[in-house]
Amino acid sequence: MTLTTIWSLFTKVLDICIVWALFYFILKNIRNNVKMILIVKGVLLVILIKILSEVLNLYTVGLLLEYVVEWGPLAIIVIFQPEIRNMLESIGRTQLLGRHKVLTGDEREKMVSEIMKSVEYLKRNRIGALMVIERDVSLQEYIGRATKIYGDISSELLSNIFFPNSPLHDGGVILQGDRISCAGAVFRTSMNPSISKRLGTRHRAALGIAEESDALALVVSEETGRISIACDGELHYNMTLDDFRMMLMDELKPKTEVFYDSDTEVEESEEVDE
């Protein structure tokens, strides 16, 4: 095998990898964006009708679809410019190795403990709250417009922020690592048509940030005291305190920790066998 052949093979493999990486990031961001999903469905429907018109010799339908195919991409860019911009911004804000502080086991348990103390207090007293935990996708866009705090996470501080008549209680709190970065953050609400009309602005804002990024959004309902978590574009509504804690611990667990745990289990099993 010559050097030219090796180089040609390498460039082809690299070309395929880049294309698959682009498809991965586009599909990952489309999955959590309701409007982009509707655009994709519309494009697929037009392509399907176009194929049927050619198979069945539907001349008029085919002629109309030719105009749609010719001018459709331009119309999509003009009409859905905000959604396309948000998707590109989301891709740009994502860092492959993650930007948030990776907490140790003790730090993570302390963080969850403080959050749960505050959530229990807020739930018991029916005080509305929205806490957003940043992960790989940066939330600096929202932090920049909010009131900066940069304080250690504590149940007392979180509860005081959301206490009624507090200047910051209407907005959301953004947590980065084991610190409270800001309060009074305002998020874009979800436009998902399947959301129950009974849900208020906090739940819609929580789902909106979960659709736009990989953040965890924790919600306490002011009317009912029910607690919910929005994650990966889905809202887990009216959870028990135990389920809430378990999901929070699981979502905050570093991905690499799973492999370490499995390796440890394998070693322990081998020791038992011996």
Protein backbone atom coordinates (compact mmCIF):
# COMPACT_ATOMS: atom_id res chain seq x y z
CA MET A 1 0.00 0.00 0.00
CA THR A 2 1.54 3.29 -1.14
CA LEU A 3 1.62 6.57 0.78
CA THR A 4 -0.81 8.10 -1.72
CA THR A 5 -3.33 5.32 -1.13
CA ILE A 6 -3.05 5.70 2.65
CA TRP A 7 -3.53 9.47 2.40
CA SER A 8 -6.55 9.03 0.11
CA LEU A 9 -8.11 6.54 2.54
CA PHE A 10 -7.43 8.87 5.48
CA THR A 11 -9.10 11.87 3.78
CA LYS A 12 -12.17 9.79 2.90
CA VAL A 13 -12.55 8.56 6.48
CA LEU A 14 -12.04 12.12 7.79
CA ASP A 15 -14.64 13.42 5.33
CA ILE A 16 -17.22 10.87 6.52
CA CYS A 17 -16.47 11.58 10.20
CA ILE A 18 -16.94 15.34 9.73
CA VAL A 19 -20.25 14.83 7.93
CA TRP A 20 -21.52 12.48 10.66
CA ALA A 21 -20.39 14.93 13.37
CA LEU A 22 -22.34 17.73 11.67
CA PHE A 23 -25.44 15.54 11.40
CA TYR A 24 -25.07 14.56 15.07
CA PHE A 25 -24.93 18.15 16.35
CA ILE A 26 -27.77 19.28 14.07
CA LEU A 27 -30.05 16.39 15.04
CA LYS A 28 -29.16 16.78 18.73
CA ASN A 29 -30.25 20.42 18.68
CA ILE A 30 -33.30 19.81 16.49
CA ARG A 31 -34.55 17.13 18.89
CA ASN A 32 -35.01 19.67 21.69
CA ASN A 33 -36.49 22.44 19.51
CA VAL A 34 -40.20 22.05 18.79
CA LYS A 35 -40.30 24.54 15.91
CA MET A 36 -37.29 22.97 14.20
CA ILE A 37 -38.97 19.57 14.45
CA LEU A 38 -42.02 21.03 12.69
CA ILE A 39 -39.77 22.42 9.93
CA VAL A 40 -38.15 19.01 9.39
CA LYS A 41 -41.56 17.30 9.30
CA GLY A 42 -42.77 19.84 6.74
CA VAL A 43 -39.71 19.31 4.51
CA LEU A 44 -40.10 15.52 4.68
CA LEU A 45 -43.79 15.83 3.79
CA VAL A 46 -42.99 17.98 0.73
CA ILE A 47 -40.35 15.48 -0.43
CA LEU A 48 -42.80 12.59 0.01
CA ILE A 49 -45.53 14.35 -2.00
CA LYS A 50 -42.98 15.23 -4.68
CA ILE A 51 -41.99 11.56 -5.04
CA LEU A 52 -45.65 10.48 -5.21
CA SER A 53 -46.40 13.11 -7.88
CA GLU A 54 -43.60 11.72 -10.06
CA VAL A 55 -44.69 8.12 -9.55
CA LEU A 56 -48.38 8.86 -10.23
CA ASN A 57 -47.67 11.44 -12.98
CA LEU A 58 -49.47 14.26 -11.14
CA TYR A 59 -48.32 17.09 -13.42
CA THR A 60 -49.97 20.07 -11.66
CA VAL A 61 -48.92 18.95 -8.18
CA GLY A 62 -45.40 18.29 -9.40
CA LEU A 63 -45.19 21.74 -11.05
CA LEU A 64 -46.31 23.48 -7.84
CA LEU A 65 -43.85 21.48 -5.74
CA GLU A 66 -41.00 22.47 -8.06
CA TYR A 67 -41.61 26.10 -7.06
CA VAL A 68 -41.81 25.05 -3.41
CA VAL A 69 -38.51 23.17 -3.65
CA GLU A 70 -36.87 26.07 -5.50
CA TRP A 71 -37.97 28.86 -3.15
CA GLY A 72 -38.67 26.83 0.00
CA PRO A 73 -35.17 27.04 1.55
CA LEU A 74 -35.17 30.83 1.22
CA ALA A 75 -38.65 31.06 2.76
CA ILE A 76 -37.61 28.82 5.67
CA ILE A 77 -34.55 30.98 6.38
CA VAL A 78 -36.64 34.17 6.37
CA ILE A 79 -39.63 32.85 8.35
CA PHE A 80 -37.74 30.75 10.89
CA GLN A 81 -34.66 32.98 11.22
CA PRO A 82 -34.93 33.26 15.05
CA GLU A 83 -35.15 29.48 15.51
CA ILE A 84 -32.22 28.83 13.15
CA ARG A 85 -30.16 31.50 14.95
CA ASN A 86 -30.95 29.95 18.34
CA MET A 87 -29.92 26.51 17.11
CA LEU A 88 -26.60 27.81 15.75
CA GLU A 89 -25.98 29.74 18.99
CA SER A 90 -26.70 26.60 20.98
CA ILE A 91 -24.17 24.64 18.90
CA GLY A 92 -21.63 27.44 19.35
CA ARG A 93 -22.12 27.54 23.12
CA THR A 94 -21.63 23.79 23.49
CA GLN A 95 -18.13 22.66 24.38
CA LEU A 96 -17.16 19.06 23.77
CA LEU A 97 -15.37 18.62 27.08
CA GLY A 98 -17.93 20.56 29.11
CA ARG A 99 -17.42 23.88 30.85
CA HIS A 100 -19.09 23.33 34.19
CA LYS A 101 -17.13 22.39 37.27
CA VAL A 102 -17.06 18.62 37.81
CA LEU A 103 -18.07 18.12 41.41
CA THR A 104 -16.64 15.44 43.64
CA GLY A 105 -18.99 12.97 45.29
CA ASP A 106 -19.00 14.92 48.57
CA GLU A 107 -19.54 18.27 46.83
CA ARG A 108 -22.40 16.82 44.79
CA GLU A 109 -24.09 15.35 47.86
CA LYS A 110 -23.73 18.66 49.74
CA MET A 111 -25.17 20.57 46.79
CA VAL A 112 -28.15 18.23 46.45
CA SER A 113 -28.70 18.34 50.21
CA GLU A 114 -28.85 22.15 50.25
CA ILE A 115 -31.14 22.24 47.21
CA MET A 116 -33.47 19.63 48.73
CA LYS A 117 -33.70 21.52 52.04
CA SER A 118 -34.74 24.62 50.13
CA VAL A 119 -37.15 22.70 47.88
CA GLU A 120 -38.82 21.06 50.89
CA TYR A 121 -39.24 24.45 52.57
CA LEU A 122 -40.59 26.07 49.40
CA LYS A 123 -42.93 23.14 48.75
CA ARG A 124 -44.26 23.13 52.31
CA ASN A 125 -44.95 26.88 52.23
CA ARG A 126 -46.09 26.93 48.59
CA ILE A 127 -43.50 29.45 47.47
CA GLY A 128 -42.83 29.47 43.73
CA ALA A 129 -39.26 28.90 42.55
CA LEU A 130 -37.21 28.17 39.44
CA MET A 131 -33.63 26.90 39.76
CA VAL A 132 -31.59 26.14 36.63
CA ILE A 133 -28.39 24.08 36.86
CA GLU A 134 -25.93 24.71 34.03
CA ARG A 135 -24.18 21.71 32.48
CA ASP A 136 -22.28 21.53 29.16
CA VAL A 137 -24.19 24.30 27.33
CA SER A 138 -23.28 27.76 28.61
CA LEU A 139 -26.06 29.95 30.04
CA GLN A 140 -23.94 33.11 29.99
CA GLU A 141 -26.54 34.76 27.76
CA TYR A 142 -28.99 34.71 30.67
CA ILE A 143 -26.42 35.30 33.41
CA GLY A 144 -25.29 38.51 31.71
CA ARG A 145 -28.77 40.03 31.98
CA ALA A 146 -29.50 38.85 35.54
CA THR A 147 -28.44 40.04 38.99
CA LYS A 148 -25.01 38.58 39.84
CA ILE A 149 -24.58 36.77 43.15
CA TYR A 150 -21.66 34.29 42.89
CA GLY A 151 -22.29 32.84 46.32
CA ASP A 152 -22.02 29.35 47.73
CA ILE A 153 -25.17 27.25 47.44
CA SER A 154 -27.12 27.16 50.69
CA SER A 155 -30.73 26.37 51.46
CA GLU A 156 -31.11 29.63 53.38
CA LEU A 157 -29.89 31.77 50.45
CA LEU A 158 -32.07 29.94 47.92
CA SER A 159 -35.15 30.19 50.14
CA ASN A 160 -34.57 33.90 50.79
CA ILE A 161 -34.22 34.65 47.08
CA PHE A 162 -37.64 33.18 46.33
CA PHE A 163 -39.37 34.53 49.43
CA PRO A 164 -42.53 36.48 48.47
CA ASN A 165 -42.01 40.21 47.88
CA SER A 166 -38.28 39.67 47.40
CA PRO A 167 -37.02 41.77 44.45
CA LEU A 168 -35.65 38.64 42.75
CA HIS A 169 -38.35 36.06 43.50
CA ASP A 170 -40.06 36.31 40.09
CA GLY A 171 -37.02 35.28 38.06
CA GLY A 172 -34.93 32.15 38.02
CA VAL A 173 -31.67 31.25 39.76
CA ILE A 174 -28.76 29.85 37.74
CA LEU A 175 -26.37 27.44 39.46
CA GLN A 176 -22.88 26.78 38.11
CA GLY A 177 -21.03 23.97 39.84
CA ASP A 178 -21.53 24.45 43.56
CA ARG A 179 -22.21 28.20 43.37
CA ILE A 180 -25.21 30.45 42.71
CA SER A 181 -24.17 32.63 39.77
CA CYS A 182 -27.20 34.90 39.51
CA ALA A 183 -30.84 35.46 40.38
CA GLY A 184 -33.72 37.13 38.59
CA ALA A 185 -32.87 35.43 35.28
CA VAL A 186 -35.60 35.52 32.63
CA PHE A 187 -35.85 32.56 30.22
CA ARG A 188 -37.70 32.10 26.96
CA THR A 189 -40.88 30.08 27.49
CA SER A 190 -41.56 26.87 25.59
CA MET A 191 -43.85 27.01 22.54
CA ASN A 192 -44.65 23.30 22.70
CA PRO A 193 -48.39 22.99 21.87
CA SER A 194 -48.73 19.80 23.93
CA ILE A 195 -48.06 21.60 27.24
CA SER A 196 -51.05 21.64 29.55
CA LYS A 197 -52.73 25.05 29.73
CA ARG A 198 -52.86 24.70 33.51
CA LEU A 199 -49.10 25.09 33.75
CA GLY A 200 -47.86 28.58 34.53
CA THR A 201 -44.96 30.72 33.35
CA ARG A 202 -42.36 29.03 35.59
CA HIS A 203 -43.06 25.57 34.16
CA ARG A 204 -43.06 26.92 30.59
CA ALA A 205 -39.78 28.76 31.21
CA ALA A 206 -38.26 25.60 32.74
CA LEU A 207 -39.28 23.53 29.72
CA GLY A 208 -38.06 26.28 27.39
CA ILE A 209 -34.52 26.27 28.79
CA ALA A 210 -34.53 22.44 28.84
CA GLU A 211 -35.45 22.44 25.13
CA GLU A 212 -32.81 25.04 24.31
CA SER A 213 -29.93 23.57 26.34
CA ASP A 214 -28.90 20.56 28.42
CA ALA A 215 -29.58 22.39 31.71
CA LEU A 216 -31.64 20.98 34.58
CA ALA A 217 -34.58 23.19 35.55
CA LEU A 218 -36.13 22.65 39.01
CA VAL A 219 -39.60 24.10 39.58
CA VAL A 220 -41.74 24.60 42.67
CA SER A 221 -45.35 25.55 41.94
CA GLU A 222 -46.62 28.59 43.81
CA GLU A 223 -50.28 27.51 43.54
CA THR A 224 -50.01 23.82 44.47
CA GLY A 225 -46.52 23.35 45.95
CA ARG A 226 -45.86 20.57 43.44
CA ILE A 227 -42.25 20.04 42.38
CA SER A 228 -41.04 19.22 38.87
CA ILE A 229 -37.84 18.82 36.86
CA ALA A 230 -37.40 19.80 33.20
CA CYS A 231 -34.62 17.89 31.47
CA ASP A 232 -33.74 17.04 27.85
CA GLY A 233 -36.84 18.79 26.53
CA GLU A 234 -39.23 16.94 28.84
CA LEU A 235 -41.08 18.07 31.97
CA HIS A 236 -41.32 15.56 34.82
CA TYR A 237 -44.31 17.03 36.63
CA ASN A 238 -45.55 16.56 40.21
CA MET A 239 -42.69 14.39 41.51
CA THR A 240 -42.31 13.06 45.03
CA LEU A 241 -39.42 14.36 47.11
CA ASP A 242 -37.64 10.99 46.89
CA ASP A 243 -37.99 10.79 43.09
CA PHE A 244 -36.93 14.42 42.83
CA ARG A 245 -33.76 13.78 44.85
CA MET A 246 -32.91 10.56 42.98
CA MET A 247 -33.30 12.19 39.56
CA LEU A 248 -31.26 15.21 40.65
CA MET A 249 -28.42 13.00 41.91
CA ASP A 250 -28.50 10.86 38.77
CA GLU A 251 -28.46 13.81 36.35
CA LEU A 252 -25.61 15.54 38.20
CA LYS A 253 -23.47 12.41 38.20
CA PRO A 254 -20.45 12.74 35.83
CA LYS A 255 -20.70 10.47 32.81
CA THR A 256 -17.23 9.00 33.46
CA GLU A 257 -18.27 7.97 36.96
CA VAL A 258 -20.46 5.24 35.49
CA PHE A 259 -17.42 3.58 33.95
CA TYR A 260 -15.44 3.87 37.16
CA ASP A 261 -18.27 2.30 39.11
CA SER A 262 -18.55 -0.56 36.64
CA ASP A 263 -14.80 -1.18 36.76
CA THR A 264 -14.91 -1.23 40.55
CA GLU A 265 -17.78 -3.71 40.49
CA VAL A 266 -15.84 -5.94 38.10
CA GLU A 267 -12.77 -5.87 40.36
CA GLU A 268 -14.89 -6.64 43.43
CA SER A 269 -16.57 -9.55 41.65
CA GLU A 270 -13.17 -10.93 40.64
CA GLU A 271 -11.98 -10.72 44.23
CA VAL A 272 -15.07 -12.61 45.37
CA ASP A 273 -14.49 -15.32 42.74
CA GLU A 274 -10.92 -15.75 43.95
